[in-house]
Amino acid sequence: MINTCREMGGAMREMLKVYSEWLTPIGEKEREDVHRDGDWHESFHCWFYQHEENQSLIYFQKRSDSKKDFPSLFDITAAGHIKAGESRVNGGLREIEEELGLKITEDQLNYTGFYKEELLFKTIKDREICHIYLCPYEDRMELTINEEVTDVVQIDLEDFLSMLSKKRPDLIAKSMLTGEDLPLFRSNFCPHHFNYYQHVVQAILQTR
């Protein structure tokens, strides 16, 4: 059994493996210390998508209002840190089940490579080695979100790309929980790099 946390003062601490800028493992640190010090660490990003006859769709989760980082913004369908001693796939499948209530198998995931991304703010230096996976969404899937997620929305991939390219100011997303149409602007999405989003969009289009 893998032990991914350490106990100190009665509380369990989440430990992450940290890397040099050249992706060499250099040790383990507590998650909060990693974000404070700006250490490179691994994360699992899984984007759900769906192809229909005349369009391709991409799915975003809405982060809860209580999240410490990027509350209420729309982000990767399912994502999370890979704990020390945990494989990328096992950690990713755990995140998908925790956030969306879906039991996905490894053969449903398509690895598209990694992207080094830095999101630097006053109190957070988030330097992630983002391992990006795709998973086809099927209508029979039943989403059961946890307290960290308030909704999952469906967005036309071309509309999203047009908004990223500033060809349009907004788009319409469809809530998977209520069926409601939601107008969203660029400011409603997590501030990932343009090249990161471009990587995801191109990877999805290549699966058609």
N, C-alpha and C. Protein backbone atom coordinates (compact mmCIF):
# COMPACT_ATOMS: atom_id res chain seq x y z
N MET A 1 0.85 -1.20 0.00
CA MET A 1 0.00 0.00 0.00
C MET A 1 0.88 1.25 0.00
N ILE A 2 0.57 2.20 -0.90
CA ILE A 2 1.38 3.40 -1.03
C ILE A 2 0.99 4.42 0.03
N ASN A 3 1.95 4.92 0.75
CA ASN A 3 1.69 5.97 1.73
C ASN A 3 2.03 7.31 1.10
N THR A 4 1.01 8.12 0.80
CA THR A 4 1.23 9.38 0.10
C THR A 4 1.14 10.58 1.01
N CYS A 5 0.88 10.36 2.29
CA CYS A 5 0.78 11.48 3.24
C CYS A 5 1.62 11.17 4.46
N ARG A 6 2.02 12.22 5.16
CA ARG A 6 2.74 12.05 6.40
C ARG A 6 1.98 12.76 7.50
N GLU A 7 2.05 12.18 8.68
CA GLU A 7 1.30 12.72 9.81
C GLU A 7 2.20 13.60 10.65
N MET A 8 1.66 14.79 10.99
CA MET A 8 2.43 15.70 11.85
C MET A 8 1.43 16.51 12.67
N GLY A 9 1.56 16.44 13.98
CA GLY A 9 0.66 17.18 14.84
C GLY A 9 -0.78 16.75 14.69
N GLY A 10 -1.02 15.46 14.35
CA GLY A 10 -2.37 14.96 14.23
C GLY A 10 -3.00 15.19 12.87
N ALA A 11 -2.31 15.90 11.97
CA ALA A 11 -2.87 16.19 10.64
C ALA A 11 -2.06 15.48 9.57
N MET A 12 -2.76 15.01 8.54
CA MET A 12 -2.08 14.34 7.43
C MET A 12 -1.69 15.37 6.39
N ARG A 13 -0.44 15.31 5.96
CA ARG A 13 0.07 16.26 4.99
C ARG A 13 0.26 15.57 3.64
N GLU A 14 -0.16 16.24 2.58
CA GLU A 14 -0.01 15.69 1.23
C GLU A 14 1.39 15.98 0.73
N MET A 15 2.11 14.92 0.36
CA MET A 15 3.48 15.07 -0.10
C MET A 15 3.54 14.93 -1.62
N LEU A 16 4.33 15.81 -2.26
CA LEU A 16 4.52 15.79 -3.70
C LEU A 16 5.99 15.59 -4.03
N LYS A 17 6.24 14.91 -5.13
CA LYS A 17 7.61 14.79 -5.62
C LYS A 17 7.96 16.08 -6.36
N VAL A 18 9.14 16.63 -6.10
CA VAL A 18 9.54 17.87 -6.75
C VAL A 18 10.70 17.61 -7.71
N TYR A 19 10.79 18.48 -8.72
CA TYR A 19 11.72 18.29 -9.83
C TYR A 19 12.52 19.56 -10.08
N SER A 20 13.68 19.37 -10.70
CA SER A 20 14.45 20.52 -11.16
C SER A 20 13.81 21.06 -12.44
N GLU A 21 14.30 22.18 -12.90
CA GLU A 21 13.77 22.77 -14.13
C GLU A 21 13.96 21.84 -15.32
N TRP A 22 14.92 20.93 -15.21
CA TRP A 22 15.21 19.97 -16.28
C TRP A 22 14.52 18.63 -16.04
N LEU A 23 13.54 18.64 -15.14
CA LEU A 23 12.66 17.50 -14.86
C LEU A 23 13.37 16.34 -14.18
N THR A 24 14.42 16.63 -13.45
CA THR A 24 15.10 15.62 -12.65
C THR A 24 14.50 15.58 -11.25
N PRO A 25 14.09 14.41 -10.76
CA PRO A 25 13.54 14.33 -9.39
C PRO A 25 14.58 14.76 -8.36
N ILE A 26 14.18 15.65 -7.44
CA ILE A 26 15.14 16.15 -6.46
C ILE A 26 14.66 15.99 -5.03
N GLY A 27 13.50 15.36 -4.84
CA GLY A 27 13.03 15.13 -3.47
C GLY A 27 11.52 15.20 -3.33
N GLU A 28 11.06 15.31 -2.10
CA GLU A 28 9.64 15.40 -1.80
C GLU A 28 9.39 16.55 -0.84
N LYS A 29 8.24 17.22 -1.00
CA LYS A 29 7.89 18.32 -0.12
C LYS A 29 6.38 18.34 0.10
N GLU A 30 5.96 19.00 1.17
CA GLU A 30 4.54 19.17 1.42
C GLU A 30 3.95 20.10 0.35
N ARG A 31 2.71 19.84 -0.01
CA ARG A 31 2.06 20.57 -1.09
C ARG A 31 2.10 22.09 -0.89
N GLU A 32 1.77 22.55 0.30
CA GLU A 32 1.76 23.99 0.55
C GLU A 32 3.15 24.59 0.40
N ASP A 33 4.18 23.86 0.79
CA ASP A 33 5.55 24.34 0.65
C ASP A 33 5.96 24.39 -0.82
N VAL A 34 5.48 23.43 -1.60
CA VAL A 34 5.78 23.40 -3.03
C VAL A 34 5.24 24.66 -3.70
N HIS A 35 4.00 25.03 -3.39
CA HIS A 35 3.39 26.22 -3.98
C HIS A 35 4.01 27.52 -3.43
N ARG A 36 4.45 27.48 -2.20
CA ARG A 36 5.10 28.65 -1.63
C ARG A 36 6.47 28.89 -2.27
N ASP A 37 7.21 27.80 -2.49
CA ASP A 37 8.58 27.92 -2.98
C ASP A 37 8.68 27.88 -4.51
N GLY A 38 7.59 27.53 -5.17
CA GLY A 38 7.62 27.51 -6.63
C GLY A 38 8.36 26.32 -7.21
N ASP A 39 8.27 25.17 -6.56
CA ASP A 39 8.94 23.97 -7.07
C ASP A 39 8.15 23.36 -8.23
N TRP A 40 8.86 22.80 -9.17
CA TRP A 40 8.21 22.05 -10.25
C TRP A 40 7.66 20.74 -9.69
N HIS A 41 6.44 20.41 -10.05
CA HIS A 41 5.81 19.16 -9.58
C HIS A 41 4.83 18.68 -10.66
N GLU A 42 4.44 17.41 -10.56
CA GLU A 42 3.61 16.80 -11.59
C GLU A 42 2.12 16.94 -11.27
N SER A 43 1.34 17.10 -12.32
CA SER A 43 -0.12 17.11 -12.17
C SER A 43 -0.74 16.30 -13.31
N PHE A 44 -1.94 15.83 -13.06
CA PHE A 44 -2.71 15.05 -14.03
C PHE A 44 -3.86 15.92 -14.54
N HIS A 45 -3.95 16.09 -15.84
CA HIS A 45 -5.03 16.86 -16.46
C HIS A 45 -5.78 15.95 -17.43
N CYS A 46 -7.06 15.78 -17.20
CA CYS A 46 -7.87 14.96 -18.11
C CYS A 46 -9.01 15.80 -18.68
N TRP A 47 -9.01 15.92 -20.00
CA TRP A 47 -10.05 16.65 -20.71
C TRP A 47 -11.02 15.67 -21.36
N PHE A 48 -12.28 15.80 -21.01
CA PHE A 48 -13.31 15.00 -21.66
C PHE A 48 -13.79 15.73 -22.91
N TYR A 49 -14.09 14.96 -23.93
CA TYR A 49 -14.52 15.54 -25.20
C TYR A 49 -15.54 14.63 -25.85
N GLN A 50 -16.20 15.14 -26.86
CA GLN A 50 -17.19 14.34 -27.59
C GLN A 50 -17.28 14.87 -29.01
N HIS A 51 -17.34 13.97 -29.97
CA HIS A 51 -17.51 14.35 -31.37
C HIS A 51 -18.93 14.01 -31.81
N GLU A 52 -19.60 14.99 -32.38
CA GLU A 52 -20.89 14.76 -33.00
C GLU A 52 -20.74 14.99 -34.50
N GLU A 53 -21.81 14.83 -35.23
CA GLU A 53 -21.71 14.88 -36.69
C GLU A 53 -21.13 16.20 -37.19
N ASN A 54 -21.58 17.32 -36.63
CA ASN A 54 -21.17 18.62 -37.15
C ASN A 54 -20.36 19.45 -36.18
N GLN A 55 -20.00 18.89 -35.04
CA GLN A 55 -19.24 19.68 -34.07
C GLN A 55 -18.47 18.76 -33.11
N SER A 56 -17.48 19.37 -32.48
CA SER A 56 -16.74 18.70 -31.41
C SER A 56 -16.98 19.48 -30.13
N LEU A 57 -17.07 18.76 -29.01
CA LEU A 57 -17.40 19.36 -27.73
C LEU A 57 -16.29 19.12 -26.72
N ILE A 58 -16.08 20.07 -25.83
CA ILE A 58 -15.10 19.95 -24.77
C ILE A 58 -15.82 20.24 -23.45
N TYR A 59 -15.40 19.57 -22.37
CA TYR A 59 -16.09 19.66 -21.09
C TYR A 59 -15.20 20.33 -20.05
N PHE A 60 -15.78 21.29 -19.33
CA PHE A 60 -15.09 22.00 -18.26
C PHE A 60 -15.83 21.78 -16.94
N GLN A 61 -15.06 21.69 -15.86
CA GLN A 61 -15.69 21.70 -14.53
C GLN A 61 -15.67 23.13 -14.01
N LYS A 62 -16.67 23.46 -13.20
CA LYS A 62 -16.67 24.74 -12.50
C LYS A 62 -16.18 24.51 -11.09
N ARG A 63 -15.10 25.17 -10.73
CA ARG A 63 -14.52 25.02 -9.41
C ARG A 63 -15.44 25.66 -8.37
N SER A 64 -15.48 25.08 -7.19
CA SER A 64 -16.38 25.58 -6.16
C SER A 64 -15.96 26.98 -5.69
N ASP A 65 -16.90 27.68 -5.08
CA ASP A 65 -16.64 29.03 -4.58
C ASP A 65 -15.64 29.01 -3.43
N SER A 66 -15.50 27.86 -2.78
CA SER A 66 -14.63 27.77 -1.60
C SER A 66 -13.20 27.35 -1.92
N LYS A 67 -12.91 27.09 -3.20
CA LYS A 67 -11.55 26.68 -3.56
C LYS A 67 -10.56 27.80 -3.27
N LYS A 68 -9.40 27.44 -2.74
CA LYS A 68 -8.37 28.43 -2.44
C LYS A 68 -7.80 29.03 -3.71
N ASP A 69 -7.62 28.19 -4.74
CA ASP A 69 -7.06 28.65 -6.00
C ASP A 69 -8.17 28.74 -7.06
N PHE A 70 -8.29 29.89 -7.70
CA PHE A 70 -9.22 30.09 -8.81
C PHE A 70 -10.66 29.67 -8.50
N PRO A 71 -11.23 30.16 -7.40
CA PRO A 71 -12.61 29.79 -7.07
C PRO A 71 -13.59 30.26 -8.14
N SER A 72 -14.60 29.42 -8.40
CA SER A 72 -15.72 29.73 -9.29
C SER A 72 -15.35 29.80 -10.77
N LEU A 73 -14.10 29.50 -11.12
CA LEU A 73 -13.70 29.55 -12.53
C LEU A 73 -13.86 28.18 -13.19
N PHE A 74 -13.96 28.19 -14.51
CA PHE A 74 -14.11 26.95 -15.27
C PHE A 74 -12.72 26.44 -15.66
N ASP A 75 -12.52 25.13 -15.47
CA ASP A 75 -11.17 24.56 -15.62
C ASP A 75 -11.27 23.16 -16.21
N ILE A 76 -10.15 22.48 -16.22
CA ILE A 76 -9.99 21.11 -16.74
C ILE A 76 -11.11 20.21 -16.21
N THR A 77 -11.60 19.31 -17.04
CA THR A 77 -12.71 18.45 -16.64
C THR A 77 -12.42 17.74 -15.32
N ALA A 78 -11.24 17.16 -15.21
CA ALA A 78 -10.80 16.53 -13.95
C ALA A 78 -9.28 16.65 -13.88
N ALA A 79 -8.78 17.07 -12.74
CA ALA A 79 -7.33 17.28 -12.62
C ALA A 79 -6.92 17.23 -11.16
N GLY A 80 -5.62 17.05 -10.94
CA GLY A 80 -5.12 17.06 -9.58
C GLY A 80 -3.63 16.78 -9.54
N HIS A 81 -3.07 16.96 -8.36
CA HIS A 81 -1.65 16.68 -8.18
C HIS A 81 -1.40 15.18 -8.10
N ILE A 82 -0.25 14.77 -8.58
CA ILE A 82 0.18 13.38 -8.46
C ILE A 82 1.00 13.28 -7.18
N LYS A 83 0.53 12.49 -6.24
CA LYS A 83 1.19 12.40 -4.95
C LYS A 83 2.50 11.61 -5.05
N ALA A 84 3.39 11.87 -4.14
CA ALA A 84 4.65 11.12 -4.07
C ALA A 84 4.35 9.64 -3.90
N GLY A 85 5.00 8.79 -4.71
CA GLY A 85 4.78 7.36 -4.63
C GLY A 85 3.59 6.86 -5.42
N GLU A 86 2.92 7.75 -6.13
CA GLU A 86 1.72 7.40 -6.89
C GLU A 86 2.01 7.51 -8.38
N SER A 87 1.52 6.56 -9.18
CA SER A 87 1.73 6.64 -10.63
C SER A 87 0.80 7.69 -11.22
N ARG A 88 1.17 8.22 -12.39
CA ARG A 88 0.34 9.24 -13.04
C ARG A 88 -1.07 8.72 -13.29
N VAL A 89 -1.18 7.51 -13.85
CA VAL A 89 -2.48 6.98 -14.21
C VAL A 89 -3.32 6.69 -12.97
N ASN A 90 -2.75 6.04 -11.97
CA ASN A 90 -3.51 5.73 -10.76
C ASN A 90 -3.97 7.01 -10.06
N GLY A 91 -3.09 7.99 -10.01
CA GLY A 91 -3.47 9.26 -9.41
C GLY A 91 -4.57 9.95 -10.21
N GLY A 92 -4.47 9.85 -11.53
CA GLY A 92 -5.48 10.47 -12.38
C GLY A 92 -6.83 9.80 -12.28
N LEU A 93 -6.84 8.49 -12.27
CA LEU A 93 -8.12 7.77 -12.14
C LEU A 93 -8.76 8.08 -10.80
N ARG A 94 -7.93 8.24 -9.76
CA ARG A 94 -8.45 8.61 -8.45
C ARG A 94 -9.11 9.99 -8.52
N GLU A 95 -8.46 10.94 -9.17
CA GLU A 95 -9.01 12.30 -9.28
C GLU A 95 -10.34 12.30 -10.04
N ILE A 96 -10.41 11.54 -11.14
CA ILE A 96 -11.64 11.49 -11.93
C ILE A 96 -12.80 10.96 -11.10
N GLU A 97 -12.53 9.90 -10.33
CA GLU A 97 -13.60 9.33 -9.51
C GLU A 97 -13.99 10.28 -8.38
N GLU A 98 -13.01 10.93 -7.76
CA GLU A 98 -13.31 11.85 -6.66
C GLU A 98 -14.11 13.06 -7.14
N GLU A 99 -13.73 13.62 -8.29
CA GLU A 99 -14.35 14.87 -8.74
C GLU A 99 -15.63 14.66 -9.54
N LEU A 100 -15.68 13.58 -10.34
CA LEU A 100 -16.82 13.38 -11.24
C LEU A 100 -17.65 12.15 -10.93
N GLY A 101 -17.16 11.29 -10.02
CA GLY A 101 -17.89 10.08 -9.69
C GLY A 101 -17.85 9.02 -10.77
N LEU A 102 -16.88 9.10 -11.68
CA LEU A 102 -16.79 8.16 -12.80
C LEU A 102 -15.64 7.18 -12.58
N LYS A 103 -15.91 5.91 -12.79
CA LYS A 103 -14.87 4.88 -12.72
C LYS A 103 -14.36 4.64 -14.14
N ILE A 104 -13.27 5.31 -14.46
CA ILE A 104 -12.66 5.22 -15.79
C ILE A 104 -11.52 4.21 -15.73
N THR A 105 -11.31 3.49 -16.81
CA THR A 105 -10.19 2.55 -16.89
C THR A 105 -9.05 3.16 -17.69
N GLU A 106 -7.86 2.62 -17.50
CA GLU A 106 -6.68 3.19 -18.14
C GLU A 106 -6.80 3.19 -19.66
N ASP A 107 -7.44 2.16 -20.23
CA ASP A 107 -7.52 2.10 -21.69
C ASP A 107 -8.48 3.14 -22.28
N GLN A 108 -9.22 3.86 -21.44
CA GLN A 108 -10.07 4.94 -21.93
C GLN A 108 -9.32 6.26 -22.03
N LEU A 109 -8.12 6.30 -21.48
CA LEU A 109 -7.32 7.52 -21.48
C LEU A 109 -6.34 7.55 -22.65
N ASN A 110 -6.18 8.72 -23.23
CA ASN A 110 -5.24 8.92 -24.33
C ASN A 110 -4.24 9.99 -23.90
N TYR A 111 -2.98 9.58 -23.71
CA TYR A 111 -1.95 10.51 -23.27
C TYR A 111 -1.47 11.35 -24.44
N THR A 112 -1.45 12.69 -24.27
CA THR A 112 -1.06 13.57 -25.37
C THR A 112 0.26 14.28 -25.11
N GLY A 113 0.93 13.95 -24.02
CA GLY A 113 2.20 14.58 -23.71
C GLY A 113 2.08 15.51 -22.50
N PHE A 114 3.17 16.22 -22.19
CA PHE A 114 3.15 17.11 -21.03
C PHE A 114 3.45 18.54 -21.46
N TYR A 115 3.05 19.45 -20.60
CA TYR A 115 3.25 20.88 -20.84
C TYR A 115 3.73 21.51 -19.54
N LYS A 116 4.85 22.23 -19.60
CA LYS A 116 5.36 22.92 -18.42
C LYS A 116 4.69 24.28 -18.33
N GLU A 117 3.98 24.50 -17.22
CA GLU A 117 3.21 25.75 -17.09
C GLU A 117 3.51 26.42 -15.76
N GLU A 118 3.71 27.73 -15.81
CA GLU A 118 3.94 28.53 -14.61
C GLU A 118 2.78 29.50 -14.44
N LEU A 119 2.11 29.43 -13.30
CA LEU A 119 1.07 30.38 -12.92
C LEU A 119 1.52 31.05 -11.63
N LEU A 120 1.98 32.28 -11.75
CA LEU A 120 2.61 32.96 -10.63
C LEU A 120 1.73 34.09 -10.12
N PHE A 121 1.41 34.06 -8.82
CA PHE A 121 0.58 35.08 -8.20
C PHE A 121 1.24 35.50 -6.89
N LYS A 122 0.61 36.40 -6.16
CA LYS A 122 1.22 36.95 -4.95
C LYS A 122 1.57 35.88 -3.94
N THR A 123 0.63 34.97 -3.70
CA THR A 123 0.84 33.96 -2.64
C THR A 123 1.12 32.57 -3.19
N ILE A 124 1.05 32.40 -4.50
CA ILE A 124 1.22 31.08 -5.10
C ILE A 124 2.21 31.14 -6.25
N LYS A 125 3.13 30.20 -6.25
CA LYS A 125 4.03 30.02 -7.39
C LYS A 125 3.81 28.59 -7.88
N ASP A 126 2.87 28.44 -8.78
CA ASP A 126 2.46 27.11 -9.23
C ASP A 126 3.20 26.74 -10.51
N ARG A 127 4.22 25.90 -10.38
CA ARG A 127 4.99 25.44 -11.53
C ARG A 127 4.71 23.95 -11.72
N GLU A 128 3.92 23.66 -12.75
CA GLU A 128 3.44 22.29 -12.94
C GLU A 128 3.98 21.66 -14.22
N ILE A 129 4.30 20.38 -14.08
CA ILE A 129 4.55 19.53 -15.25
C ILE A 129 3.22 18.85 -15.52
N CYS A 130 2.45 19.43 -16.43
CA CYS A 130 1.07 19.00 -16.66
C CYS A 130 1.04 17.82 -17.63
N HIS A 131 0.66 16.66 -17.15
CA HIS A 131 0.50 15.48 -18.01
C HIS A 131 -0.94 15.49 -18.51
N ILE A 132 -1.10 15.66 -19.82
CA ILE A 132 -2.41 15.93 -20.41
C ILE A 132 -2.98 14.66 -21.06
N TYR A 133 -4.16 14.29 -20.61
CA TYR A 133 -4.86 13.12 -21.12
C TYR A 133 -6.21 13.56 -21.70
N LEU A 134 -6.70 12.75 -22.63
CA LEU A 134 -8.05 12.93 -23.17
C LEU A 134 -8.88 11.70 -22.84
N CYS A 135 -10.17 11.92 -22.65
CA CYS A 135 -11.10 10.81 -22.41
C CYS A 135 -12.40 11.11 -23.15
N PRO A 136 -12.87 10.21 -24.01
CA PRO A 136 -14.14 10.46 -24.72
C PRO A 136 -15.32 10.41 -23.76
N TYR A 137 -16.17 11.43 -23.84
CA TYR A 137 -17.37 11.45 -23.01
C TYR A 137 -18.47 10.68 -23.72
N GLU A 138 -19.18 9.87 -22.97
CA GLU A 138 -20.29 9.09 -23.52
C GLU A 138 -21.57 9.49 -22.81
N ASP A 139 -22.67 9.55 -23.56
CA ASP A 139 -23.94 10.01 -22.99
C ASP A 139 -24.42 9.16 -21.82
N ARG A 140 -23.98 7.89 -21.78
CA ARG A 140 -24.42 7.00 -20.69
C ARG A 140 -23.71 7.31 -19.38
N MET A 141 -22.66 8.10 -19.42
CA MET A 141 -21.92 8.42 -18.20
C MET A 141 -22.78 9.27 -17.27
N GLU A 142 -22.79 8.92 -16.00
CA GLU A 142 -23.55 9.68 -15.00
C GLU A 142 -22.58 10.39 -14.06
N LEU A 143 -22.58 11.71 -14.13
CA LEU A 143 -21.68 12.50 -13.32
C LEU A 143 -22.20 12.64 -11.90
N THR A 144 -21.31 12.48 -10.94
CA THR A 144 -21.62 12.72 -9.53
C THR A 144 -20.50 13.57 -8.96
N ILE A 145 -20.73 14.88 -8.90
CA ILE A 145 -19.65 15.78 -8.52
C ILE A 145 -19.51 15.87 -7.00
N ASN A 146 -18.28 16.21 -6.56
CA ASN A 146 -18.04 16.36 -5.12
C ASN A 146 -18.10 17.82 -4.73
N GLU A 147 -17.72 18.11 -3.49
CA GLU A 147 -17.86 19.48 -2.97
C GLU A 147 -16.88 20.46 -3.60
N GLU A 148 -15.86 19.97 -4.31
CA GLU A 148 -14.90 20.86 -4.95
C GLU A 148 -15.36 21.32 -6.32
N VAL A 149 -16.42 20.71 -6.83
CA VAL A 149 -16.92 21.01 -8.17
C VAL A 149 -18.39 21.39 -8.07
N THR A 150 -18.79 22.48 -8.74
CA THR A 150 -20.19 22.90 -8.65
C THR A 150 -20.97 22.62 -9.94
N ASP A 151 -20.27 22.35 -11.03
CA ASP A 151 -20.96 22.05 -12.29
C ASP A 151 -19.95 21.50 -13.29
N VAL A 152 -20.46 20.86 -14.32
CA VAL A 152 -19.67 20.47 -15.49
C VAL A 152 -20.44 20.99 -16.69
N VAL A 153 -19.73 21.69 -17.60
CA VAL A 153 -20.40 22.28 -18.75
C VAL A 153 -19.81 21.75 -20.05
N GLN A 154 -20.66 21.80 -21.07
CA GLN A 154 -20.31 21.34 -22.42
C GLN A 154 -20.17 22.57 -23.31
N ILE A 155 -19.06 22.65 -24.06
CA ILE A 155 -18.78 23.83 -24.89
C ILE A 155 -18.36 23.38 -26.29
N ASP A 156 -18.87 24.07 -27.29
CA ASP A 156 -18.45 23.82 -28.67
C ASP A 156 -16.96 24.16 -28.80
N LEU A 157 -16.18 23.23 -29.32
CA LEU A 157 -14.73 23.40 -29.37
C LEU A 157 -14.33 24.58 -30.26
N GLU A 158 -15.02 24.76 -31.38
CA GLU A 158 -14.69 25.87 -32.28
C GLU A 158 -15.02 27.21 -31.63
N ASP A 159 -16.11 27.26 -30.87
CA ASP A 159 -16.45 28.50 -30.16
C ASP A 159 -15.38 28.83 -29.13
N PHE A 160 -14.90 27.80 -28.44
CA PHE A 160 -13.87 28.03 -27.43
C PHE A 160 -12.58 28.54 -28.08
N LEU A 161 -12.20 27.93 -29.18
CA LEU A 161 -10.99 28.36 -29.88
C LEU A 161 -11.14 29.79 -30.39
N SER A 162 -12.32 30.14 -30.89
CA SER A 162 -12.56 31.51 -31.37
C SER A 162 -12.45 32.51 -30.23
N MET A 163 -12.95 32.15 -29.06
CA MET A 163 -12.85 33.05 -27.91
C MET A 163 -11.40 33.21 -27.47
N LEU A 164 -10.65 32.09 -27.48
CA LEU A 164 -9.24 32.17 -27.12
C LEU A 164 -8.48 33.08 -28.07
N SER A 165 -8.85 33.03 -29.34
CA SER A 165 -8.17 33.82 -30.37
C SER A 165 -8.71 35.24 -30.45
N LYS A 166 -9.64 35.59 -29.55
CA LYS A 166 -10.24 36.92 -29.46
C LYS A 166 -11.05 37.28 -30.69
N LYS A 167 -11.57 36.25 -31.38
CA LYS A 167 -12.46 36.51 -32.51
C LYS A 167 -13.90 36.70 -32.07
N ARG A 168 -14.16 36.33 -30.83
CA ARG A 168 -15.49 36.53 -30.24
C ARG A 168 -15.30 36.78 -28.75
N PRO A 169 -16.17 37.60 -28.13
CA PRO A 169 -15.97 37.96 -26.72
C PRO A 169 -16.48 36.93 -25.73
N ASP A 170 -17.42 36.09 -26.17
CA ASP A 170 -18.03 35.16 -25.24
C ASP A 170 -18.51 33.91 -25.98
N LEU A 171 -19.12 33.00 -25.24
CA LEU A 171 -19.68 31.79 -25.83
C LEU A 171 -20.80 31.28 -24.93
N ILE A 172 -21.50 30.28 -25.41
CA ILE A 172 -22.58 29.68 -24.63
C ILE A 172 -22.18 28.26 -24.22
N ALA A 173 -22.23 27.99 -22.94
CA ALA A 173 -21.95 26.66 -22.40
C ALA A 173 -23.25 26.04 -21.92
N LYS A 174 -23.30 24.71 -21.97
CA LYS A 174 -24.50 24.00 -21.49
C LYS A 174 -24.16 23.24 -20.22
N SER A 175 -24.92 23.51 -19.17
CA SER A 175 -24.71 22.80 -17.90
C SER A 175 -25.15 21.36 -18.04
N MET A 176 -24.29 20.43 -17.61
CA MET A 176 -24.63 19.02 -17.65
C MET A 176 -25.53 18.63 -16.47
N LEU A 177 -25.62 19.50 -15.47
CA LEU A 177 -26.44 19.19 -14.30
C LEU A 177 -27.87 19.70 -14.45
N THR A 178 -28.02 20.90 -15.05
CA THR A 178 -29.35 21.50 -15.15
C THR A 178 -29.86 21.62 -16.58
N GLY A 179 -28.97 21.49 -17.56
CA GLY A 179 -29.36 21.68 -18.96
C GLY A 179 -29.45 23.14 -19.35
N GLU A 180 -29.14 24.03 -18.43
CA GLU A 180 -29.24 25.47 -18.67
C GLU A 180 -28.11 25.96 -19.58
N ASP A 181 -28.41 26.94 -20.44
CA ASP A 181 -27.39 27.60 -21.26
C ASP A 181 -26.78 28.74 -20.46
N LEU A 182 -25.44 28.79 -20.42
CA LEU A 182 -24.73 29.78 -19.62
C LEU A 182 -23.82 30.62 -20.50
N PRO A 183 -23.99 31.95 -20.52
CA PRO A 183 -23.05 32.81 -21.26
C PRO A 183 -21.75 32.95 -20.47
N LEU A 184 -20.61 32.67 -21.10
CA LEU A 184 -19.32 32.74 -20.43
C LEU A 184 -18.35 33.62 -21.21
N PHE A 185 -17.50 34.33 -20.47
CA PHE A 185 -16.47 35.18 -21.05
C PHE A 185 -15.09 34.58 -20.74
N ARG A 186 -14.07 35.09 -21.38
CA ARG A 186 -12.71 34.57 -21.17
C ARG A 186 -12.33 34.66 -19.69
N SER A 187 -12.81 35.70 -19.01
CA SER A 187 -12.48 35.89 -17.60
C SER A 187 -13.11 34.82 -16.70
N ASN A 188 -14.04 34.04 -17.23
CA ASN A 188 -14.67 32.97 -16.45
C ASN A 188 -13.84 31.69 -16.42
N PHE A 189 -12.75 31.65 -17.20
CA PHE A 189 -11.94 30.44 -17.31
C PHE A 189 -10.61 30.62 -16.59
N CYS A 190 -10.06 29.52 -16.11
CA CYS A 190 -8.75 29.55 -15.46
C CYS A 190 -7.70 30.08 -16.45
N PRO A 191 -6.76 30.88 -15.95
CA PRO A 191 -5.81 31.56 -16.84
C PRO A 191 -4.64 30.68 -17.30
N HIS A 192 -4.96 29.56 -17.93
CA HIS A 192 -3.89 28.75 -18.52
C HIS A 192 -3.29 29.48 -19.71
N HIS A 193 -2.06 29.15 -20.04
CA HIS A 193 -1.41 29.77 -21.19
C HIS A 193 -2.17 29.45 -22.47
N PHE A 194 -2.11 30.37 -23.42
CA PHE A 194 -2.76 30.14 -24.71
C PHE A 194 -2.21 28.88 -25.36
N ASN A 195 -0.88 28.69 -25.29
CA ASN A 195 -0.28 27.51 -25.93
C ASN A 195 -0.74 26.21 -25.27
N TYR A 196 -1.04 26.27 -23.96
CA TYR A 196 -1.57 25.09 -23.28
C TYR A 196 -2.94 24.74 -23.86
N TYR A 197 -3.83 25.72 -23.91
CA TYR A 197 -5.16 25.47 -24.46
C TYR A 197 -5.07 25.02 -25.92
N GLN A 198 -4.17 25.60 -26.67
CA GLN A 198 -4.00 25.23 -28.08
C GLN A 198 -3.59 23.76 -28.20
N HIS A 199 -2.72 23.32 -27.31
CA HIS A 199 -2.31 21.91 -27.29
C HIS A 199 -3.52 21.01 -27.09
N VAL A 200 -4.37 21.37 -26.14
CA VAL A 200 -5.56 20.57 -25.83
C VAL A 200 -6.51 20.54 -27.01
N VAL A 201 -6.79 21.69 -27.59
CA VAL A 201 -7.74 21.77 -28.72
C VAL A 201 -7.23 20.95 -29.91
N GLN A 202 -5.97 21.09 -30.24
CA GLN A 202 -5.42 20.35 -31.38
C GLN A 202 -5.45 18.85 -31.11
N ALA A 203 -5.17 18.45 -29.89
CA ALA A 203 -5.18 17.02 -29.56
C ALA A 203 -6.58 16.44 -29.72
N ILE A 204 -7.60 17.20 -29.29
CA ILE A 204 -8.97 16.73 -29.44
C ILE A 204 -9.36 16.62 -30.91
N LEU A 205 -9.01 17.63 -31.71
CA LEU A 205 -9.35 17.61 -33.12
C LEU A 205 -8.70 16.44 -33.85
N GLN A 206 -7.53 16.04 -33.39
CA GLN A 206 -6.82 14.92 -34.03
C GLN A 206 -7.48 13.57 -33.75
N THR A 207 -8.41 13.53 -32.80
CA THR A 207 -9.10 12.26 -32.51
C THR A 207 -10.34 12.04 -33.38
N ARG A 208 -10.68 12.99 -34.22
CA ARG A 208 -11.86 12.83 -35.08
C ARG A 208 -11.63 11.73 -36.10
